[in-house]
Amino acid sequence: MQYIGVRSCNCLPENDSGYMGSSKILGEAMKVEPETFTKIIIDTFPTREIANSNEQWLHEHYDVARNPEFYNLCIAPLRFCRAGSPISAETRKKLSEASKGRTLTPEHKKKLSAANKGQKRSPAARKNISAAKKGKNKGKNNPNYGNTHSPETKLKMSAAQRGKTLSPEHKKKISESSKGKTLTPEHKKKISGPRGPREKITCPHCSKIGGGSTMQRWHFSNCREIS
């Protein structure tokens, strides 16, 4: 069982260990077995407004109000509840600026990993999450619908993946997740169908034009014209 909540304090977050949450159900459970509860600070924010927005996003993502694995009984605390209301342009800008350049520290990653280790969602929780996501980001509802990556973006994505190798554990997980899966006739038809013309890109150093994979291998940062 988990509880996700937002908290403001006048000391360093790690020194605010006494406060565990405002949930009455959580408080009652802690009275019975206080030693089984652990507090983990997921993240910190520059303003309460941004923290509230992040809390709401987490509540909606895990559907805490209906998820039997959470003590939360509603989406965000009632007095801070913004469910159904759009986030203003100013708040979006603040959220964006607060997240720019931020990377998770090894300690933060370790905390997130420890918090999720060994957890298994119940069939009811999985069904709720699936229902909440269905249709949300499909087709025209997807924010990336109709967008295509520019040659520069593709090049950056390729460079970021270059040299990466999958661990044996990762390969095993991919293999196990694919076992028993079969492609539908429609899917097979799409894969075997004719492909459209490949996009041509131009090397900025020698002006040669060609296909993506070959150009990325022999040109751009690997171009002979680079002195």
C-alpha atoms as a PDB file:
ATOM      1  CA  MET A   1       0.000   0.000   0.000  1.00  0.00           C
ATOM      2  CA  GLN A   2       1.180   3.505  -0.858  1.00  0.00           C
ATOM      3  CA  TYR A   3       0.188   7.107  -0.314  1.00  0.00           C
ATOM      4  CA  ILE A   4       1.193  10.015  -2.562  1.00  0.00           C
ATOM      5  CA  GLY A   5       0.991  13.474  -1.017  1.00  0.00           C
ATOM      6  CA  VAL A   6       2.406  17.002  -1.285  1.00  0.00           C
ATOM      7  CA  ARG A   7       4.104  18.780   1.610  1.00  0.00           C
ATOM      8  CA  SER A   8       5.506  22.254   2.367  1.00  0.00           C
ATOM      9  CA  CYS A   9       7.948  22.711   5.245  1.00  0.00           C
ATOM     10  CA  ASN A  10      10.317  25.333   6.667  1.00  0.00           C
ATOM     11  CA  CYS A  11      13.266  22.965   6.922  1.00  0.00           C
ATOM     12  CA  LEU A  12      15.225  20.686   4.627  1.00  0.00           C
ATOM     13  CA  PRO A  13      12.902  18.008   3.205  1.00  0.00           C
ATOM     14  CA  GLU A  14      15.051  15.182   4.595  1.00  0.00           C
ATOM     15  CA  ASN A  15      14.654  16.669   8.102  1.00  0.00           C
ATOM     16  CA  ASP A  16      10.855  16.672   7.856  1.00  0.00           C
ATOM     17  CA  SER A  17      10.588  13.007   8.764  1.00  0.00           C
ATOM     18  CA  GLY A  18       7.798  13.408  11.309  1.00  0.00           C
ATOM     19  CA  TYR A  19       5.054  14.156   8.768  1.00  0.00           C
ATOM     20  CA  MET A  20       3.783  11.109   6.854  1.00  0.00           C
ATOM     21  CA  GLY A  21       0.511  12.297   5.302  1.00  0.00           C
ATOM     22  CA  SER A  22      -2.936  13.751   5.957  1.00  0.00           C
ATOM     23  CA  SER A  23      -4.913  10.576   5.247  1.00  0.00           C
ATOM     24  CA  LYS A  24      -6.937   9.324   8.231  1.00  0.00           C
ATOM     25  CA  ILE A  25      -6.833   5.766   6.878  1.00  0.00           C
ATOM     26  CA  LEU A  26      -3.055   5.979   6.576  1.00  0.00           C
ATOM     27  CA  GLY A  27      -2.829   7.322  10.139  1.00  0.00           C
ATOM     28  CA  GLU A  28      -4.916   4.461  11.497  1.00  0.00           C
ATOM     29  CA  ALA A  29      -2.826   1.878   9.642  1.00  0.00           C
ATOM     30  CA  MET A  30       0.380   3.424  10.997  1.00  0.00           C
ATOM     31  CA  LYS A  31      -0.901   3.155  14.568  1.00  0.00           C
ATOM     32  CA  VAL A  32      -1.163  -0.610  14.114  1.00  0.00           C
ATOM     33  CA  GLU A  33       2.196  -1.243  12.413  1.00  0.00           C
ATOM     34  CA  PRO A  34       4.282   1.971  12.377  1.00  0.00           C
ATOM     35  CA  GLU A  35       7.507   0.080  11.662  1.00  0.00           C
ATOM     36  CA  THR A  36       6.255  -1.094   8.252  1.00  0.00           C
ATOM     37  CA  PHE A  37       5.936   2.421   6.802  1.00  0.00           C
ATOM     38  CA  THR A  38       8.698   4.276   4.979  1.00  0.00           C
ATOM     39  CA  LYS A  39       8.672   7.857   3.722  1.00  0.00           C
ATOM     40  CA  ILE A  40      10.356   8.589   0.378  1.00  0.00           C
ATOM     41  CA  ILE A  41      10.763  12.114  -1.033  1.00  0.00           C
ATOM     42  CA  ILE A  42      10.076  11.664  -4.747  1.00  0.00           C
ATOM     43  CA  ASP A  43      10.937  15.205  -5.801  1.00  0.00           C
ATOM     44  CA  THR A  44      11.136  18.847  -4.687  1.00  0.00           C
ATOM     45  CA  PHE A  45       9.756  21.955  -6.441  1.00  0.00           C
ATOM     46  CA  PRO A  46      10.339  25.730  -6.298  1.00  0.00           C
ATOM     47  CA  THR A  47       6.661  26.592  -5.636  1.00  0.00           C
ATOM     48  CA  ARG A  48       3.651  24.947  -4.021  1.00  0.00           C
ATOM     49  CA  GLU A  49       1.622  25.453  -7.199  1.00  0.00           C
ATOM     50  CA  ILE A  50       4.062  23.380  -9.249  1.00  0.00           C
ATOM     51  CA  ALA A  51       4.162  20.728  -6.521  1.00  0.00           C
ATOM     52  CA  ASN A  52       0.347  20.555  -6.521  1.00  0.00           C
ATOM     53  CA  SER A  53       0.279  20.125 -10.302  1.00  0.00           C
ATOM     54  CA  ASN A  54       2.856  17.333 -10.101  1.00  0.00           C
ATOM     55  CA  GLU A  55       0.893  15.631  -7.327  1.00  0.00           C
ATOM     56  CA  GLN A  56      -2.281  15.786  -9.408  1.00  0.00           C
ATOM     57  CA  TRP A  57      -0.466  14.260 -12.375  1.00  0.00           C
ATOM     58  CA  LEU A  58       0.794  11.357 -10.233  1.00  0.00           C
ATOM     59  CA  HIS A  59      -2.686  10.825  -8.762  1.00  0.00           C
ATOM     60  CA  GLU A  60      -4.241  10.681 -12.222  1.00  0.00           C
ATOM     61  CA  HIS A  61      -1.447   8.500 -13.609  1.00  0.00           C
ATOM     62  CA  TYR A  62      -1.927   5.853 -10.897  1.00  0.00           C
ATOM     63  CA  ASP A  63      -5.702   6.495 -10.578  1.00  0.00           C
ATOM     64  CA  VAL A  64      -5.192   6.532  -6.805  1.00  0.00           C
ATOM     65  CA  ALA A  65      -8.853   7.165  -5.935  1.00  0.00           C
ATOM     66  CA  ARG A  66      -9.914   3.815  -7.414  1.00  0.00           C
ATOM     67  CA  ASN A  67      -6.634   1.942  -7.126  1.00  0.00           C
ATOM     68  CA  PRO A  68      -6.830  -0.541  -4.197  1.00  0.00           C
ATOM     69  CA  GLU A  69      -3.050  -0.297  -3.758  1.00  0.00           C
ATOM     70  CA  PHE A  70      -3.238   3.321  -2.533  1.00  0.00           C
ATOM     71  CA  TYR A  71      -4.525   4.935   0.661  1.00  0.00           C
ATOM     72  CA  ASN A  72      -5.557   8.060  -1.270  1.00  0.00           C
ATOM     73  CA  LEU A  73      -9.339   8.402  -1.545  1.00  0.00           C
ATOM     74  CA  CYS A  74      -9.434  11.219  -4.100  1.00  0.00           C
ATOM     75  CA  ILE A  75      -7.426  12.796  -6.920  1.00  0.00           C
ATOM     76  CA  ALA A  76      -5.255  15.313  -5.027  1.00  0.00           C
ATOM     77  CA  PRO A  77      -6.284  16.701  -1.603  1.00  0.00           C
ATOM     78  CA  LEU A  78      -9.729  18.314  -1.823  1.00  0.00           C
ATOM     79  CA  ARG A  79      -8.629  21.868  -1.058  1.00  0.00           C
ATOM     80  CA  PHE A  80      -5.947  21.650  -3.740  1.00  0.00           C
ATOM     81  CA  CYS A  81      -7.967  19.572  -6.202  1.00  0.00           C
ATOM     82  CA  ARG A  82      -7.667  20.865  -9.766  1.00  0.00           C
ATOM     83  CA  ALA A  83      -9.053  17.794 -11.508  1.00  0.00           C
ATOM     84  CA  GLY A  84     -10.702  18.717 -14.771  1.00  0.00           C
ATOM     85  CA  SER A  85      -9.328  22.275 -14.799  1.00  0.00           C
ATOM     86  CA  PRO A  86      -6.727  23.219 -17.427  1.00  0.00           C
ATOM     87  CA  ILE A  87      -3.237  24.289 -16.388  1.00  0.00           C
ATOM     88  CA  SER A  88      -2.580  27.929 -17.238  1.00  0.00           C
ATOM     89  CA  ALA A  89       0.092  28.970 -19.727  1.00  0.00           C
ATOM     90  CA  GLU A  90       2.051  30.593 -16.874  1.00  0.00           C
ATOM     91  CA  THR A  91       2.008  27.377 -14.817  1.00  0.00           C
ATOM     92  CA  ARG A  92       3.039  25.311 -17.829  1.00  0.00           C
ATOM     93  CA  LYS A  93       5.946  27.696 -18.375  1.00  0.00           C
ATOM     94  CA  LYS A  94       7.001  27.401 -14.722  1.00  0.00           C
ATOM     95  CA  LEU A  95       6.802  23.589 -14.896  1.00  0.00           C
ATOM     96  CA  SER A  96       8.909  23.611 -18.046  1.00  0.00           C
ATOM     97  CA  GLU A  97      11.526  25.949 -16.593  1.00  0.00           C
ATOM     98  CA  ALA A  98      11.678  23.990 -13.340  1.00  0.00           C
ATOM     99  CA  SER A  99      12.380  20.768 -15.262  1.00  0.00           C
ATOM    100  CA  LYS A 100      14.892  22.170 -17.768  1.00  0.00           C
ATOM    101  CA  GLY A 101      18.278  20.559 -17.490  1.00  0.00           C
ATOM    102  CA  ARG A 102      17.205  18.437 -14.534  1.00  0.00           C
ATOM    103  CA  THR A 103      18.576  14.940 -14.349  1.00  0.00           C
ATOM    104  CA  LEU A 104      17.874  12.310 -11.744  1.00  0.00           C
ATOM    105  CA  THR A 105      20.738  11.680  -9.359  1.00  0.00           C
ATOM    106  CA  PRO A 106      21.831   8.078  -8.690  1.00  0.00           C
ATOM    107  CA  GLU A 107      20.277   8.459  -5.212  1.00  0.00           C
ATOM    108  CA  HIS A 108      16.954   9.617  -6.703  1.00  0.00           C
ATOM    109  CA  LYS A 109      16.931   6.710  -9.165  1.00  0.00           C
ATOM    110  CA  LYS A 110      17.723   4.318  -6.323  1.00  0.00           C
ATOM    111  CA  LYS A 111      14.797   5.676  -4.258  1.00  0.00           C
ATOM    112  CA  LEU A 112      12.364   5.313  -7.144  1.00  0.00           C
ATOM    113  CA  SER A 113      13.622   1.806  -7.817  1.00  0.00           C
ATOM    114  CA  ALA A 114      13.308   0.837  -4.145  1.00  0.00           C
ATOM    115  CA  ALA A 115       9.790   2.276  -3.975  1.00  0.00           C
ATOM    116  CA  ASN A 116       8.616   0.184  -6.933  1.00  0.00           C
ATOM    117  CA  LYS A 117      10.614  -2.986  -6.258  1.00  0.00           C
ATOM    118  CA  GLY A 118       8.506  -6.055  -5.793  1.00  0.00           C
ATOM    119  CA  GLN A 119       5.257  -4.234  -6.404  1.00  0.00           C
ATOM    120  CA  LYS A 120       2.608  -5.953  -8.463  1.00  0.00           C
ATOM    121  CA  ARG A 121      -0.584  -4.227  -9.535  1.00  0.00           C
ATOM    122  CA  SER A 122      -3.798  -6.090  -8.865  1.00  0.00           C
ATOM    123  CA  PRO A 123      -5.996  -7.098 -11.852  1.00  0.00           C
ATOM    124  CA  ALA A 124      -8.485  -4.389 -10.825  1.00  0.00           C
ATOM    125  CA  ALA A 125      -5.776  -1.710 -10.735  1.00  0.00           C
ATOM    126  CA  ARG A 126      -4.431  -2.789 -14.134  1.00  0.00           C
ATOM    127  CA  LYS A 127      -7.930  -2.690 -15.586  1.00  0.00           C
ATOM    128  CA  ASN A 128      -8.500   0.843 -14.256  1.00  0.00           C
ATOM    129  CA  ILE A 129      -5.182   2.138 -15.606  1.00  0.00           C
ATOM    130  CA  SER A 130      -5.819   0.493 -18.976  1.00  0.00           C
ATOM    131  CA  ALA A 131      -9.312   1.988 -19.214  1.00  0.00           C
ATOM    132  CA  ALA A 132      -8.003   5.431 -18.273  1.00  0.00           C
ATOM    133  CA  LYS A 133      -5.348   5.346 -20.974  1.00  0.00           C
ATOM    134  CA  LYS A 134      -7.398   3.795 -23.770  1.00  0.00           C
ATOM    135  CA  GLY A 135      -8.237   6.277 -26.443  1.00  0.00           C
ATOM    136  CA  LYS A 136      -6.379   9.066 -24.651  1.00  0.00           C
ATOM    137  CA  ASN A 137      -3.291   9.035 -26.820  1.00  0.00           C
ATOM    138  CA  LYS A 138      -4.437   7.199 -29.916  1.00  0.00           C
ATOM    139  CA  GLY A 139      -4.614   8.692 -33.380  1.00  0.00           C
ATOM    140  CA  LYS A 140      -5.527  12.365 -33.480  1.00  0.00           C
ATOM    141  CA  ASN A 141      -5.606  12.504 -29.683  1.00  0.00           C
ATOM    142  CA  ASN A 142      -1.873  11.855 -29.553  1.00  0.00           C
ATOM    143  CA  PRO A 143       0.093  15.110 -29.161  1.00  0.00           C
ATOM    144  CA  ASN A 144       2.608  13.838 -31.741  1.00  0.00           C
ATOM    145  CA  TYR A 145      -0.049  12.876 -34.308  1.00  0.00           C
ATOM    146  CA  GLY A 146       1.027  13.981 -37.797  1.00  0.00           C
ATOM    147  CA  ASN A 147       4.444  15.178 -36.608  1.00  0.00           C
ATOM    148  CA  THR A 148       7.629  13.936 -38.259  1.00  0.00           C
ATOM    149  CA  HIS A 149      11.184  14.159 -36.956  1.00  0.00           C
ATOM    150  CA  SER A 150      13.530  16.514 -38.777  1.00  0.00           C
ATOM    151  CA  PRO A 151      16.835  15.126 -40.181  1.00  0.00           C
ATOM    152  CA  GLU A 152      18.684  16.921 -37.362  1.00  0.00           C
ATOM    153  CA  THR A 153      16.467  15.309 -34.703  1.00  0.00           C
ATOM    154  CA  LYS A 154      16.872  11.878 -36.282  1.00  0.00           C
ATOM    155  CA  LEU A 155      20.621  12.371 -36.296  1.00  0.00           C
ATOM    156  CA  LYS A 156      20.609  13.302 -32.609  1.00  0.00           C
ATOM    157  CA  MET A 157      18.458  10.269 -31.757  1.00  0.00           C
ATOM    158  CA  SER A 158      20.813   8.024 -33.716  1.00  0.00           C
ATOM    159  CA  ALA A 159      23.896   9.500 -32.023  1.00  0.00           C
ATOM    160  CA  ALA A 160      22.316   9.037 -28.578  1.00  0.00           C
ATOM    161  CA  GLN A 161      21.750   5.321 -29.258  1.00  0.00           C
ATOM    162  CA  ARG A 162      25.101   4.694 -30.924  1.00  0.00           C
ATOM    163  CA  GLY A 163      27.327   2.304 -29.017  1.00  0.00           C
ATOM    164  CA  LYS A 164      24.599   1.218 -26.615  1.00  0.00           C
ATOM    165  CA  THR A 165      24.303  -2.486 -25.959  1.00  0.00           C
ATOM    166  CA  LEU A 166      21.468  -4.332 -24.273  1.00  0.00           C
ATOM    167  CA  SER A 167      22.296  -6.243 -21.117  1.00  0.00           C
ATOM    168  CA  PRO A 168      21.514  -9.986 -21.005  1.00  0.00           C
ATOM    169  CA  GLU A 169      18.723  -9.209 -18.514  1.00  0.00           C
ATOM    170  CA  HIS A 170      17.220  -6.614 -20.860  1.00  0.00           C
ATOM    171  CA  LYS A 171      17.363  -9.014 -23.816  1.00  0.00           C
ATOM    172  CA  LYS A 172      15.718 -11.712 -21.711  1.00  0.00           C
ATOM    173  CA  LYS A 173      12.869  -9.365 -20.730  1.00  0.00           C
ATOM    174  CA  ILE A 174      12.262  -8.391 -24.366  1.00  0.00           C
ATOM    175  CA  SER A 175      12.274 -12.047 -25.378  1.00  0.00           C
ATOM    176  CA  GLU A 176       9.832 -13.039 -22.627  1.00  0.00           C
ATOM    177  CA  SER A 177       7.472 -10.140 -23.386  1.00  0.00           C
ATOM    178  CA  SER A 178       7.316 -11.246 -27.037  1.00  0.00           C
ATOM    179  CA  LYS A 179       6.649 -14.924 -26.351  1.00  0.00           C
ATOM    180  CA  GLY A 180       3.270 -16.098 -27.497  1.00  0.00           C
ATOM    181  CA  LYS A 181       2.536 -12.916 -29.429  1.00  0.00           C
ATOM    182  CA  THR A 182       1.217 -13.309 -32.959  1.00  0.00           C
ATOM    183  CA  LEU A 183       0.815 -10.679 -35.645  1.00  0.00           C
ATOM    184  CA  THR A 184      -2.637 -10.036 -37.053  1.00  0.00           C
ATOM    185  CA  PRO A 185      -3.152 -10.376 -40.840  1.00  0.00           C
ATOM    186  CA  GLU A 186      -3.542  -6.582 -41.020  1.00  0.00           C
ATOM    187  CA  HIS A 187      -0.228  -6.049 -39.208  1.00  0.00           C
ATOM    188  CA  LYS A 188       1.562  -8.519 -41.480  1.00  0.00           C
ATOM    189  CA  LYS A 189       0.130  -6.758 -44.504  1.00  0.00           C
ATOM    190  CA  LYS A 190       1.373  -3.387 -43.278  1.00  0.00           C
ATOM    191  CA  ILE A 191       4.881  -4.757 -42.669  1.00  0.00           C
ATOM    192  CA  SER A 192       5.091  -6.476 -46.071  1.00  0.00           C
ATOM    193  CA  GLY A 193       3.464  -3.592 -47.962  1.00  0.00           C
ATOM    194  CA  PRO A 194       5.429  -1.249 -50.205  1.00  0.00           C
ATOM    195  CA  ARG A 195       7.412   1.460 -48.460  1.00  0.00           C
ATOM    196  CA  GLY A 196       7.367   5.057 -49.506  1.00  0.00           C
ATOM    197  CA  PRO A 197      10.449   6.905 -50.742  1.00  0.00           C
ATOM    198  CA  ARG A 198      13.135   7.335 -48.127  1.00  0.00           C
ATOM    199  CA  GLU A 199      13.895  10.829 -46.960  1.00  0.00           C
ATOM    200  CA  LYS A 200      17.121  12.317 -48.306  1.00  0.00           C
ATOM    201  CA  ILE A 201      19.428  14.371 -46.109  1.00  0.00           C
ATOM    202  CA  THR A 202      22.342  16.637 -46.972  1.00  0.00           C
ATOM    203  CA  CYS A 203      25.767  16.622 -45.342  1.00  0.00           C
ATOM    204  CA  PRO A 204      26.589  20.175 -44.156  1.00  0.00           C
ATOM    205  CA  HIS A 205      30.322  19.650 -44.795  1.00  0.00           C
ATOM    206  CA  CYS A 206      30.482  18.250 -48.345  1.00  0.00           C
ATOM    207  CA  SER A 207      26.885  18.896 -49.508  1.00  0.00           C
ATOM    208  CA  LYS A 208      26.419  15.258 -50.508  1.00  0.00           C
ATOM    209  CA  ILE A 209      22.787  14.071 -50.540  1.00  0.00           C
ATOM    210  CA  GLY A 210      21.793  10.521 -49.646  1.00  0.00           C
ATOM    211  CA  GLY A 211      19.819   8.111 -47.487  1.00  0.00           C
ATOM    212  CA  GLY A 212      19.766   8.462 -43.718  1.00  0.00           C
ATOM    213  CA  SER A 213      21.751   5.455 -42.467  1.00  0.00           C
ATOM    214  CA  THR A 214      24.565   5.705 -45.044  1.00  0.00           C
ATOM    215  CA  MET A 215      24.892   9.463 -44.643  1.00  0.00           C
ATOM    216  CA  GLN A 216      25.071   9.182 -40.871  1.00  0.00           C
ATOM    217  CA  ARG A 217      27.810   6.589 -41.148  1.00  0.00           C
ATOM    218  CA  TRP A 218      30.104   8.364 -43.619  1.00  0.00           C
ATOM    219  CA  HIS A 219      29.139  12.029 -43.338  1.00  0.00           C
ATOM    220  CA  PHE A 220      28.097  14.696 -40.840  1.00  0.00           C
ATOM    221  CA  SER A 221      30.463  14.216 -37.850  1.00  0.00           C
ATOM    222  CA  ASN A 222      32.386  11.511 -39.805  1.00  0.00           C
ATOM    223  CA  CYS A 223      32.722  13.503 -43.052  1.00  0.00           C
ATOM    224  CA  ARG A 224      36.176  13.538 -44.659  1.00  0.00           C
ATOM    225  CA  GLU A 225      35.790  17.216 -45.442  1.00  0.00           C
ATOM    226  CA  ILE A 226      36.047  18.059 -41.753  1.00  0.00           C
ATOM    227  CA  SER A 227      39.511  19.474 -41.205  1.00  0.00           C
END
